[in-house]
Structures are given as C-alpha cells and as structure tokens.
Amino acid sequence: MLLTLLLCWPLFVFGRPAYFADTLGYVHGGRTATMFVVHQFAPLSGSLDAAADGSADDHGVKAARSIPYSVLAYALRGSDGAMMPLAVLQVLLTAFAVTVFLSAAPVSDRRFWGVAAVLALATPAAWVSGCAMPDVFAGVTILIIATLSFRAARLTTTVAVLLSLIGAFAIASHASHIAIAIVLLPLALWLGSRTNAPDRRRAVIWLVAPAAIAVVAVLATAIIGFGDISLAPKRYPLTLARSIGNGPARWYLERHCEREHYAVCEIYGTALPRTSNDFLWGPNGINRRATPEQMARLRAEEPDILRRTIAAYPLAEAAAALRDSARQLISFRIDEANFNQRIEQAGGDEPTLVDDPKMSATAQRVADGIFAVTAALALGWVVLGLRTIPRDRRAMLAVLLAGLLVNAAVCAILSGVSDRYQARVIWLLPLAAALASRPRRLTASPQTR
C-alpha cells in the first residue's frame, strides 16, 4: 500500500492523470463496446467498430484499439471524465507486481524501500502508471513473466492467481504487449529449464496462463465485435507507415503503384507522404483520407507489400530496423506524458483534450536527466554484480533485460521510434539492479508493503 502511495505522487501534485492523444479514443471505444453488450449484440449505428476514434462513418470503421483496455478506461473514467480512478488502479496493479517481484526475489525490507523510492522518484514508473494509457502494462507484462518464470513456487495460490490475472490483462491491453509476451515466453521457458527451480511444472502452468487468457480474450473480442479472427483486429497499418517513412516501402510503391491495385496506391498514386506520421495522422494522412473499406484493404495488403519491399530492399530494411531499434532503446523521455493537458467536456459534447500547462519545459528536462542517470547507474550496478548472483536470479535478470531489448525492437520495427515506448519499460532497470545485489532474507510479507 505504501508503494502505491509513493507511485501516486504525480497524481497528488498535478491533480489529474497524464493524457495522450489516443486517450479519448480508448474511452470512445469502451463506450461503444459497452453499449454493444448492453444491447445484447444487436447492430448499432456505428457498432463496436466505432471503437476507433470517431472517424468511422455509417458503413464501418477505420481502425480500433484494444477493447479490454478501452472498456476499463470507459468504466473508470470517473464522474467528471478525468479518469482518475483508472490511473489509481494502474498504479495499484503496478505496485502489486513490483512488490511480489521484490518479495519473491527476495530482497530485505531496507533494500525494498530503497528500490521503491528510486522507482517512484527517479524513473518514469510513476509517470507512466499515472497516464491514462496502457503503456505501463508493457513493463508489468515483462515483470510478471520474470516473476512467474522462476518464483511461482514461492507464491501462495492467491498471489499467483492475482498475478496471472493482472498479467493477462496487461498482455491484452495492447497489441505490442502480445508481441512482447510471444517473444519472451520461449526465452523464459528455456532459461527455466536450465535452472533447478522447484516444481517446474507448476511454474510453467502459471507462466503460460496469463498469455493464454489474454489470447482467448483478444480473439473473443475480435470475433464478437468485428467478426475477425485476429490478435490485432482493426489495427492501423503502423509497420507499413514505418517502412514508408524510412524509405523502402515508399520506393517500392513509387515503382509499382502504376500497375498494382493496392489501396494505398488508390489513395496516393505515387505521391506518397514522406514520413510515417504524415502517412498516418497528417492532414493528408490515411486517418482522414481512407474510407473504412480502403483501411480494411490497407490492413489486408500490408503483409504482401512488406514482403515484396523486403525482397526488393533487404539491406535497407535490415539497416532501418537495427537503427530504429537502437534509437528506441535509449529514447525514454516523458514529453508525451507530462500532465500538461486536461479533459474538457461541455454538456453533451464529446470530451476533448485542451492544453493546461502545469509543468515547465525545464522541469521536464530535469526529470528526463534524472531518469537517464538512474538508468545508467542501475545498468552499471547490474554489470558489476552479474557474476556474484545465484543462477536462478541471473535467469530472472536475463528476462528483464531481454524485455527491454524486445520492447525496443517490437516498437521500432512494428510501429516506429517514440520516447513513450521505452519510457514504459525503462523503470525495470532498478529492479534488475536489485536482482544483481546479494540476496537477503525477507523480514516482511508482500501484504505489509
């Protein structure tokens, strides 16, 4: 409970969660999904497909976000629509996952509170958990996989069930979290098989359970809501946008659009936008120009265009993927979760985000500098202590560090480089440093923390 209060400090200081441009899209999606269920799956004007961002017309939708997270965002938006209940719950779930991890590691009470203070005050953990977005659940996903991989036998059944349910929601809350889990799970299973962890079968069951529940939930919402068997239904063509922005897909389409019948060629011809942001969200972007039918074709044609692009420009695509992944790994500023906007809703109008600065640019730069120093020191501590820690803790540490790399690669390759993508997981480094410290006997249970 005390860790929850520590992580809530930005909510106390600013009096509201942080918001991002996509925040209201989740609320809209949750509202429509809820109405869909309330009306007993009867066709609605706009239907569940309107879960995108209000850009759909009467004939369908252009794109949609995670329905599980959208429903939670809508349900916990609060009477004033400011979404404080959602932010508090995210902080609570993050604190629970951290507490279980450190207790199962284990670390002493003194070290626990040292790590907790660093986590809350010198990393983006409090910022991303207090942001009305699913970002923090990327770090929670990695943390829970590391915990269940090697410490499931140390957890009570109640704690293991709660951790699995939180992990399932964390994975289902964003398509990139599903990709992270798919990559990390085989690594965690392989590392677990090489350790002498007790009751390995039980550990495997608990480890696989969150991912299995998440996949079932996402598939169920995709089938019921969209009639689509997909782990990323109604997604934006982010990977195509990234390749167009980097060059290879744009070069391929400029050469072939005159004889191909792709939807993107139908929209732009050979005069494609020069950046991924312009392609997706600009005044001439597909979010404005593409019809729902064209957006559906863009999604369907994206894999084929990318395969042909890679075949035509393999070195350029590989170089761009490596470059972007490396950039993403070290990009974790908080400029996109800075509490400088508020939600405004007048009467029956749709809520909007309006500027309401409460944090100066100088304060942001100071915070970003503190985060960078903390990350560097934590990584240095990990390197210094790596050879002295027990084998099973080394395996947990490997999963955490791999999670940072996988997150950077997934985001950079499937979407693009953005500070918020790595900020959502960089707070795991002090926890990794705690693993690299000499293990000590616990003097308190997770419930007392």
Protein backbone atom coordinates (compact mmCIF):
# COMPACT_ATOMS: atom_id res chain seq x y z
CA MET A 1 0.00 0.00 0.00
CA LEU A 2 2.83 2.41 0.81
CA LEU A 3 4.43 1.74 -2.56
CA THR A 4 1.10 2.61 -4.19
CA LEU A 5 1.11 5.96 -2.40
CA LEU A 6 4.69 6.61 -3.49
CA LEU A 7 3.84 5.94 -7.12
CA CYS A 8 0.79 8.20 -6.87
CA TRP A 9 2.83 11.32 -6.22
CA PRO A 10 2.31 12.85 -9.72
CA LEU A 11 -1.45 12.38 -9.30
CA PHE A 12 -1.29 14.25 -5.98
CA VAL A 13 0.91 17.03 -7.38
CA PHE A 14 -0.94 17.62 -10.65
CA GLY A 15 -4.41 16.62 -9.50
CA ARG A 16 -5.17 14.52 -12.57
CA PRO A 17 -3.71 11.74 -14.74
CA ALA A 18 -1.49 12.43 -17.71
CA TYR A 19 -3.17 12.13 -21.10
CA PHE A 20 -2.05 11.28 -24.61
CA ALA A 21 -3.68 11.92 -27.98
CA ASP A 22 -5.06 8.35 -28.03
CA THR A 23 -6.60 8.51 -24.54
CA LEU A 24 -10.04 9.64 -25.66
CA GLY A 25 -10.02 7.05 -28.45
CA TYR A 26 -9.89 4.34 -25.79
CA VAL A 27 -12.79 5.95 -23.92
CA HIS A 28 -14.86 6.15 -27.11
CA GLY A 29 -14.10 2.54 -27.87
CA GLY A 30 -15.02 1.41 -24.38
CA ARG A 31 -18.31 3.28 -24.51
CA THR A 32 -19.28 1.72 -27.82
CA ALA A 33 -18.21 -1.76 -26.72
CA THR A 34 -20.26 -1.40 -23.54
CA MET A 35 -23.31 -0.30 -25.50
CA PHE A 36 -22.78 -3.21 -27.82
CA VAL A 37 -23.03 -5.65 -24.93
CA VAL A 38 -25.90 -3.81 -23.25
CA HIS A 39 -27.91 -4.01 -26.45
CA GLN A 40 -27.36 -7.78 -26.49
CA PHE A 41 -25.14 -7.77 -29.55
CA ALA A 42 -27.80 -6.05 -31.67
CA PRO A 43 -26.44 -4.00 -34.58
CA LEU A 44 -25.81 -0.43 -33.50
CA SER A 45 -25.26 2.70 -35.51
CA GLY A 46 -21.52 2.62 -35.78
CA SER A 47 -21.46 -0.75 -33.93
CA LEU A 48 -18.44 -1.91 -31.98
CA ASP A 49 -16.39 -0.90 -34.97
CA ALA A 50 -16.73 2.73 -33.93
CA ALA A 51 -14.17 1.96 -31.25
CA ALA A 52 -11.59 3.75 -33.27
CA ASP A 53 -11.65 7.49 -32.68
CA GLY A 54 -14.83 8.86 -34.08
CA SER A 55 -13.53 8.74 -37.64
CA ALA A 56 -15.76 5.91 -38.81
CA ASP A 57 -18.76 6.51 -40.99
CA ASP A 58 -22.09 4.70 -41.01
CA HIS A 59 -20.71 1.85 -43.10
CA GLY A 60 -17.88 0.72 -40.88
CA VAL A 61 -14.74 1.65 -39.04
CA LYS A 62 -11.27 2.65 -39.99
CA ALA A 63 -9.36 1.34 -37.01
CA ALA A 64 -9.75 0.33 -33.37
CA ARG A 65 -7.69 -0.04 -30.24
CA SER A 66 -7.58 -2.71 -27.53
CA ILE A 67 -11.14 -3.47 -26.48
CA PRO A 68 -10.19 -4.85 -23.00
CA TYR A 69 -8.33 -1.65 -22.12
CA SER A 70 -10.97 0.54 -23.78
CA VAL A 71 -13.72 -0.99 -21.64
CA LEU A 72 -11.67 -0.44 -18.47
CA ALA A 73 -10.91 3.17 -19.48
CA TYR A 74 -14.60 3.86 -20.08
CA ALA A 75 -15.72 2.15 -16.87
CA LEU A 76 -13.16 4.02 -14.73
CA ARG A 77 -13.35 7.43 -16.35
CA GLY A 78 -14.96 8.86 -13.21
CA SER A 79 -18.00 11.10 -12.83
CA ASP A 80 -16.03 14.09 -14.15
CA GLY A 81 -14.48 12.14 -17.02
CA ALA A 82 -10.94 12.92 -15.79
CA MET A 83 -10.08 9.19 -15.50
CA MET A 84 -8.53 9.41 -12.03
CA PRO A 85 -9.97 6.00 -10.95
CA LEU A 86 -8.26 4.39 -13.97
CA ALA A 87 -4.90 5.97 -13.10
CA VAL A 88 -5.15 4.92 -9.44
CA LEU A 89 -5.95 1.32 -10.44
CA GLN A 90 -2.97 1.25 -12.80
CA VAL A 91 -0.70 2.47 -10.02
CA LEU A 92 -2.13 -0.15 -7.65
CA LEU A 93 -1.59 -3.01 -10.12
CA THR A 94 1.94 -1.84 -10.90
CA ALA A 95 2.78 -1.59 -7.20
CA PHE A 96 1.41 -5.09 -6.60
CA ALA A 97 3.51 -6.58 -9.41
CA VAL A 98 6.65 -4.81 -8.14
CA THR A 99 6.01 -5.90 -4.56
CA VAL A 100 5.53 -9.54 -5.49
CA PHE A 101 8.64 -9.47 -7.67
CA LEU A 102 10.89 -7.99 -4.97
CA SER A 103 9.40 -10.20 -2.25
CA ALA A 104 9.91 -13.33 -4.31
CA ALA A 105 13.44 -12.32 -5.36
CA PRO A 106 13.86 -11.83 -2.33
CA VAL A 107 15.24 -8.53 -1.04
CA SER A 108 15.40 -7.18 2.52
CA ASP A 109 12.98 -4.55 3.76
CA ARG A 110 15.69 -1.91 3.73
CA ARG A 111 16.62 -2.65 0.12
CA PHE A 112 12.95 -2.93 -0.84
CA TRP A 113 12.22 0.62 0.26
CA GLY A 114 15.39 1.91 -1.33
CA VAL A 115 14.35 0.42 -4.65
CA ALA A 116 10.77 1.66 -4.16
CA ALA A 117 11.98 5.23 -3.58
CA VAL A 118 14.20 5.14 -6.65
CA LEU A 119 11.39 3.62 -8.70
CA ALA A 120 8.88 6.29 -7.70
CA LEU A 121 11.12 9.36 -7.74
CA ALA A 122 13.92 8.69 -10.22
CA THR A 123 12.30 6.62 -13.01
CA PRO A 124 9.27 7.13 -15.27
CA ALA A 125 7.29 4.45 -13.32
CA ALA A 126 5.06 6.95 -11.51
CA TRP A 127 4.56 8.94 -14.70
CA VAL A 128 3.55 6.09 -16.99
CA SER A 129 1.40 4.34 -14.39
CA GLY A 130 -0.42 7.64 -13.81
CA CYS A 131 -1.02 8.17 -17.53
CA ALA A 132 -4.44 7.26 -18.95
CA MET A 133 -2.89 4.90 -21.48
CA PRO A 134 -1.99 1.17 -21.39
CA ASP A 135 1.74 1.96 -21.61
CA VAL A 136 2.71 0.89 -18.08
CA PHE A 137 1.36 -2.60 -18.72
CA ALA A 138 4.26 -3.30 -21.09
CA GLY A 139 6.62 -3.16 -18.11
CA VAL A 140 4.13 -5.06 -15.95
CA THR A 141 3.98 -7.80 -18.61
CA ILE A 142 7.76 -8.25 -18.56
CA LEU A 143 7.88 -8.12 -14.75
CA ILE A 144 5.18 -10.77 -14.32
CA ILE A 145 6.78 -13.10 -16.87
CA ALA A 146 10.10 -12.83 -14.98
CA THR A 147 8.38 -13.47 -11.63
CA LEU A 148 6.28 -16.44 -12.73
CA SER A 149 9.17 -17.99 -14.66
CA PHE A 150 11.37 -18.60 -11.64
CA ARG A 151 9.43 -17.79 -8.48
CA ALA A 152 5.97 -19.30 -8.97
CA ALA A 153 6.69 -22.00 -6.38
CA ARG A 154 7.33 -19.31 -3.75
CA LEU A 155 3.97 -17.64 -4.26
CA THR A 156 0.75 -18.54 -2.49
CA THR A 157 -2.05 -19.70 -4.76
CA THR A 158 -3.95 -16.46 -4.14
CA VAL A 159 -0.99 -14.28 -5.10
CA ALA A 160 -0.23 -16.43 -8.15
CA VAL A 161 -3.84 -16.19 -9.35
CA LEU A 162 -3.91 -12.41 -8.89
CA LEU A 163 -0.58 -12.04 -10.66
CA SER A 164 -1.76 -14.21 -13.55
CA LEU A 165 -4.97 -12.22 -13.97
CA ILE A 166 -3.07 -8.93 -13.91
CA GLY A 167 -0.60 -10.39 -16.41
CA ALA A 168 -3.44 -11.50 -18.68
CA PHE A 169 -4.95 -8.02 -18.71
CA ALA A 170 -1.53 -6.41 -19.17
CA ILE A 171 -0.86 -8.55 -22.25
CA ALA A 172 -4.34 -7.98 -23.70
CA SER A 173 -4.22 -4.21 -23.18
CA HIS A 174 -2.12 -3.52 -26.29
CA ALA A 175 -1.11 -5.44 -29.41
CA SER A 176 2.59 -4.72 -28.77
CA HIS A 177 2.33 -6.39 -25.36
CA ILE A 178 1.11 -9.55 -27.05
CA ALA A 179 4.16 -9.46 -29.31
CA ILE A 180 6.47 -8.92 -26.32
CA ALA A 181 4.95 -11.89 -24.49
CA ILE A 182 5.20 -14.13 -27.57
CA VAL A 183 8.93 -13.41 -27.83
CA LEU A 184 9.74 -13.51 -24.10
CA LEU A 185 7.82 -16.66 -23.15
CA PRO A 186 10.04 -19.12 -25.10
CA LEU A 187 13.14 -17.45 -23.64
CA ALA A 188 11.72 -17.67 -20.10
CA LEU A 189 10.75 -21.32 -20.59
CA TRP A 190 14.20 -22.19 -21.95
CA LEU A 191 16.01 -20.41 -19.14
CA GLY A 192 13.71 -22.02 -16.60
CA SER A 193 14.51 -25.47 -17.94
CA ARG A 194 18.21 -24.81 -17.28
CA THR A 195 17.72 -23.90 -13.61
CA ASN A 196 16.93 -26.11 -10.66
CA ALA A 197 13.72 -24.28 -9.82
CA PRO A 198 11.38 -26.33 -7.61
CA ASP A 199 8.08 -27.63 -9.02
CA ARG A 200 8.92 -26.65 -12.59
CA ARG A 201 5.63 -27.96 -13.97
CA ARG A 202 3.65 -25.63 -11.70
CA ALA A 203 5.85 -22.73 -12.76
CA VAL A 204 5.23 -23.45 -16.45
CA ILE A 205 1.47 -23.57 -15.93
CA TRP A 206 1.44 -20.25 -14.10
CA LEU A 207 3.76 -18.71 -16.70
CA VAL A 208 1.68 -19.74 -19.71
CA ALA A 209 -1.69 -18.98 -18.10
CA PRO A 210 -1.64 -15.15 -18.47
CA ALA A 211 -0.71 -15.31 -22.15
CA ALA A 212 -3.32 -17.98 -22.83
CA ILE A 213 -6.06 -15.99 -21.08
CA ALA A 214 -5.04 -12.82 -22.93
CA VAL A 215 -5.06 -14.51 -26.34
CA VAL A 216 -8.51 -16.01 -25.70
CA ALA A 217 -9.86 -12.64 -24.54
CA VAL A 218 -8.47 -10.73 -27.53
CA LEU A 219 -9.66 -13.33 -30.01
CA ALA A 220 -13.11 -13.35 -28.39
CA THR A 221 -13.48 -9.57 -28.65
CA ALA A 222 -12.22 -9.66 -32.24
CA ILE A 223 -14.71 -12.35 -33.26
CA ILE A 224 -17.69 -10.91 -31.37
CA GLY A 225 -17.02 -7.29 -32.17
CA PHE A 226 -15.59 -7.46 -35.66
CA GLY A 227 -16.15 -10.99 -36.98
CA ASP A 228 -12.37 -11.20 -37.38
CA ILE A 229 -10.02 -13.89 -36.07
CA SER A 230 -7.07 -11.69 -35.19
CA LEU A 231 -4.83 -10.70 -32.29
CA ALA A 232 -4.79 -7.13 -33.63
CA PRO A 233 -8.23 -6.50 -35.15
CA LYS A 234 -8.83 -3.20 -36.92
CA ARG A 235 -5.22 -2.16 -36.35
CA TYR A 236 -3.62 0.83 -38.02
CA PRO A 237 -1.03 -0.17 -40.67
CA LEU A 238 1.81 1.06 -38.48
CA THR A 239 4.52 -1.21 -39.90
CA LEU A 240 3.75 -0.11 -43.44
CA ALA A 241 3.82 3.50 -42.27
CA ARG A 242 7.24 2.97 -40.68
CA SER A 243 8.66 1.45 -43.86
CA ILE A 244 7.21 4.26 -45.97
CA GLY A 245 8.77 6.81 -43.62
CA ASN A 246 12.13 5.04 -43.68
CA GLY A 247 12.07 4.80 -47.46
CA PRO A 248 11.94 1.17 -48.69
CA ALA A 249 8.14 0.77 -48.90
CA ARG A 250 7.83 4.20 -50.47
CA TRP A 251 10.46 3.31 -53.08
CA TYR A 252 8.69 0.04 -53.85
CA LEU A 253 5.27 1.66 -54.18
CA GLU A 254 6.58 4.54 -56.30
CA ARG A 255 7.89 1.93 -58.75
CA HIS A 256 4.83 -0.34 -58.76
CA CYS A 257 1.75 1.74 -57.98
CA GLU A 258 1.02 2.39 -61.66
CA ARG A 259 0.33 -1.29 -62.30
CA GLU A 260 -0.67 -2.53 -58.83
CA HIS A 261 -4.14 -2.08 -57.37
CA TYR A 262 -3.22 -1.60 -53.73
CA ALA A 263 -5.48 0.63 -51.64
CA VAL A 264 -2.52 2.85 -50.78
CA CYS A 265 -1.95 3.42 -54.50
CA GLU A 266 -5.64 4.20 -54.92
CA ILE A 267 -5.35 6.89 -52.27
CA TYR A 268 -2.00 8.46 -53.15
CA GLY A 269 -0.83 7.21 -56.52
CA THR A 270 2.94 7.66 -56.45
CA ALA A 271 2.80 10.89 -54.38
CA LEU A 272 3.20 9.18 -51.01
CA PRO A 273 3.77 11.10 -47.75
CA ARG A 274 7.42 11.32 -46.72
CA THR A 275 7.06 10.45 -43.03
CA SER A 276 5.14 7.78 -41.12
CA ASN A 277 3.40 10.44 -39.03
CA ASP A 278 2.19 12.24 -42.17
CA PHE A 279 1.06 8.93 -43.67
CA LEU A 280 -1.00 8.05 -40.58
CA TRP A 281 -2.14 11.24 -38.89
CA GLY A 282 -1.23 14.21 -41.10
CA PRO A 283 -3.75 16.46 -42.86
CA ASN A 284 -3.32 14.22 -45.90
CA GLY A 285 -2.98 11.00 -43.88
CA ILE A 286 -5.00 7.82 -44.17
CA ASN A 287 -6.86 8.58 -40.94
CA ARG A 288 -8.54 11.40 -42.85
CA ARG A 289 -8.45 10.25 -46.46
CA ALA A 290 -9.03 6.49 -46.39
CA THR A 291 -12.56 5.12 -46.28
CA PRO A 292 -13.28 2.21 -43.91
CA GLU A 293 -13.21 -0.13 -46.92
CA GLN A 294 -9.83 1.23 -48.02
CA MET A 295 -8.47 0.93 -44.47
CA ALA A 296 -9.55 -2.71 -44.37
CA ARG A 297 -7.72 -3.31 -47.65
CA LEU A 298 -4.65 -1.49 -46.33
CA ARG A 299 -4.53 -3.91 -43.40
CA ALA A 300 -5.03 -6.93 -45.65
CA GLU A 301 -2.44 -5.80 -48.20
CA GLU A 302 0.18 -4.63 -45.68
CA PRO A 303 1.92 -8.04 -45.26
CA ASP A 304 2.20 -8.53 -49.03
CA ILE A 305 3.62 -5.04 -49.60
CA LEU A 306 6.13 -5.53 -46.79
CA ARG A 307 7.23 -8.95 -48.09
CA ARG A 308 7.83 -7.52 -51.54
CA THR A 309 9.59 -4.48 -50.09
CA ILE A 310 11.94 -6.66 -48.04
CA ALA A 311 12.66 -8.79 -51.10
CA ALA A 312 13.46 -5.68 -53.14
CA TYR A 313 15.43 -3.78 -50.47
CA PRO A 314 16.62 -6.30 -47.86
CA LEU A 315 19.70 -4.38 -46.72
CA ALA A 316 17.85 -1.08 -46.42
CA GLU A 317 15.07 -2.68 -44.37
CA ALA A 318 17.53 -4.51 -42.10
CA ALA A 319 19.59 -1.37 -41.57
CA ALA A 320 16.48 0.65 -40.75
CA ALA A 321 15.25 -1.99 -38.28
CA LEU A 322 18.59 -2.12 -36.46
CA ARG A 323 18.98 1.66 -36.45
CA ASP A 324 15.46 2.28 -35.18
CA SER A 325 15.73 -0.45 -32.51
CA ALA A 326 18.97 1.07 -31.22
CA ARG A 327 17.42 4.54 -31.15
CA GLN A 328 14.34 3.25 -29.38
CA LEU A 329 16.42 1.53 -26.72
CA ILE A 330 17.80 4.85 -25.49
CA SER A 331 14.73 7.03 -26.09
CA PHE A 332 12.68 7.33 -22.91
CA ARG A 333 11.77 10.94 -22.22
CA ILE A 334 8.41 11.88 -20.65
CA ASP A 335 7.47 14.64 -23.07
CA GLU A 336 4.33 12.73 -24.10
CA ALA A 337 3.11 12.08 -20.53
CA ASN A 338 3.71 15.45 -18.92
CA PHE A 339 0.35 16.29 -17.27
CA ASN A 340 0.04 19.45 -19.38
CA GLN A 341 -3.42 18.68 -20.75
CA ARG A 342 -6.85 18.24 -19.22
CA ILE A 343 -10.07 16.68 -20.42
CA GLU A 344 -12.85 19.17 -21.08
CA GLN A 345 -16.47 18.20 -21.63
CA ALA A 346 -19.28 20.69 -22.02
CA GLY A 347 -22.84 19.41 -21.78
CA GLY A 348 -23.44 16.56 -24.17
CA ASP A 349 -20.42 17.38 -26.34
CA GLU A 350 -17.68 14.86 -26.93
CA PRO A 351 -14.78 15.25 -24.45
CA THR A 352 -11.68 16.93 -25.81
CA LEU A 353 -8.10 17.42 -24.66
CA VAL A 354 -7.12 21.04 -24.08
CA ASP A 355 -3.76 22.50 -23.12
CA ASP A 356 -3.39 23.32 -19.44
CA PRO A 357 0.36 23.58 -18.68
CA LYS A 358 1.40 22.59 -15.16
CA MET A 359 4.97 21.56 -15.86
CA SER A 360 7.64 23.69 -17.48
CA ALA A 361 9.96 22.51 -20.22
CA THR A 362 12.88 22.99 -17.83
CA ALA A 363 11.27 20.69 -15.24
CA GLN A 364 10.73 18.08 -17.95
CA ARG A 365 14.38 18.25 -18.98
CA VAL A 366 15.48 17.87 -15.36
CA ALA A 367 13.23 14.84 -14.91
CA ASP A 368 14.50 13.30 -18.13
CA GLY A 369 18.08 13.85 -16.97
CA ILE A 370 17.36 12.13 -13.65
CA PHE A 371 15.83 9.17 -15.47
CA ALA A 372 18.88 8.85 -17.72
CA VAL A 373 21.29 8.94 -14.77
CA THR A 374 19.23 6.36 -12.86
CA ALA A 375 19.13 4.03 -15.86
CA ALA A 376 22.91 4.32 -16.35
CA LEU A 377 23.68 3.70 -12.67
CA ALA A 378 21.28 0.75 -12.47
CA LEU A 379 22.78 -0.81 -15.59
CA GLY A 380 26.27 -0.31 -14.19
CA TRP A 381 25.23 -1.99 -10.94
CA VAL A 382 23.88 -4.95 -12.91
CA VAL A 383 27.15 -5.35 -14.80
CA LEU A 384 29.23 -5.18 -11.60
CA GLY A 385 27.09 -7.71 -9.72
CA LEU A 386 26.37 -10.13 -12.54
CA ARG A 387 28.98 -12.75 -11.65
CA THR A 388 28.10 -12.94 -7.97
CA ILE A 389 24.36 -13.58 -8.08
CA PRO A 390 22.78 -17.07 -7.97
CA ARG A 391 21.91 -18.81 -11.21
CA ASP A 392 18.12 -18.51 -10.88
CA ARG A 393 18.31 -14.79 -10.15
CA ARG A 394 20.60 -14.42 -13.14
CA ALA A 395 17.89 -16.05 -15.26
CA MET A 396 15.27 -13.61 -13.91
CA LEU A 397 17.66 -10.78 -14.68
CA ALA A 398 18.09 -12.08 -18.24
CA VAL A 399 14.32 -11.99 -18.77
CA LEU A 400 14.09 -8.40 -17.51
CA LEU A 401 16.95 -7.18 -19.70
CA ALA A 402 15.67 -9.14 -22.68
CA GLY A 403 12.31 -7.48 -22.11
CA LEU A 404 13.91 -4.06 -22.55
CA LEU A 405 15.50 -5.17 -25.82
CA VAL A 406 12.36 -6.88 -27.09
CA ASN A 407 10.22 -3.87 -26.29
CA ALA A 408 12.58 -1.60 -28.23
CA ALA A 409 12.65 -3.93 -31.24
CA VAL A 410 8.89 -4.59 -31.28
CA CYS A 411 8.02 -0.91 -31.08
CA ALA A 412 10.68 0.29 -33.50
CA ILE A 413 10.04 -2.37 -36.16
CA LEU A 414 6.25 -2.71 -35.92
CA SER A 415 5.47 0.94 -35.27
CA GLY A 416 8.28 3.48 -35.00
CA VAL A 417 10.57 5.24 -32.56
CA SER A 418 8.79 7.15 -29.79
CA ASP A 419 10.03 8.26 -26.37
CA ARG A 420 6.95 6.89 -24.60
CA TYR A 421 7.57 3.36 -25.90
CA GLN A 422 10.79 2.88 -23.94
CA ALA A 423 9.74 5.07 -21.03
CA ARG A 424 7.05 2.49 -20.34
CA VAL A 425 9.69 -0.18 -19.50
CA ILE A 426 12.95 1.59 -18.57
CA TRP A 427 11.80 1.68 -14.93
CA LEU A 428 12.56 -2.06 -14.79
CA LEU A 429 16.31 -1.33 -14.58
CA PRO A 430 16.36 -0.55 -10.82
CA LEU A 431 14.53 -3.84 -10.27
CA ALA A 432 17.20 -5.56 -12.33
CA ALA A 433 19.81 -3.88 -10.13
CA ALA A 434 18.01 -5.26 -7.06
CA LEU A 435 18.40 -8.74 -8.52
CA ALA A 436 22.11 -8.13 -9.04
CA SER A 437 22.53 -7.38 -5.33
CA ARG A 438 23.32 -10.05 -2.78
CA PRO A 439 20.07 -11.84 -1.81
CA ARG A 440 18.88 -11.38 1.73
CA ARG A 441 16.23 -12.92 3.94
CA LEU A 442 12.85 -11.18 3.91
CA THR A 443 11.56 -9.75 7.18
CA ALA A 444 8.12 -8.75 5.91
CA SER A 445 5.46 -10.20 3.68
CA PRO A 446 4.22 -8.55 0.46
CA GLN A 447 0.95 -7.66 2.20
CA THR A 448 2.74 -5.36 4.68
CA ARG A 449 4.42 -3.39 1.93
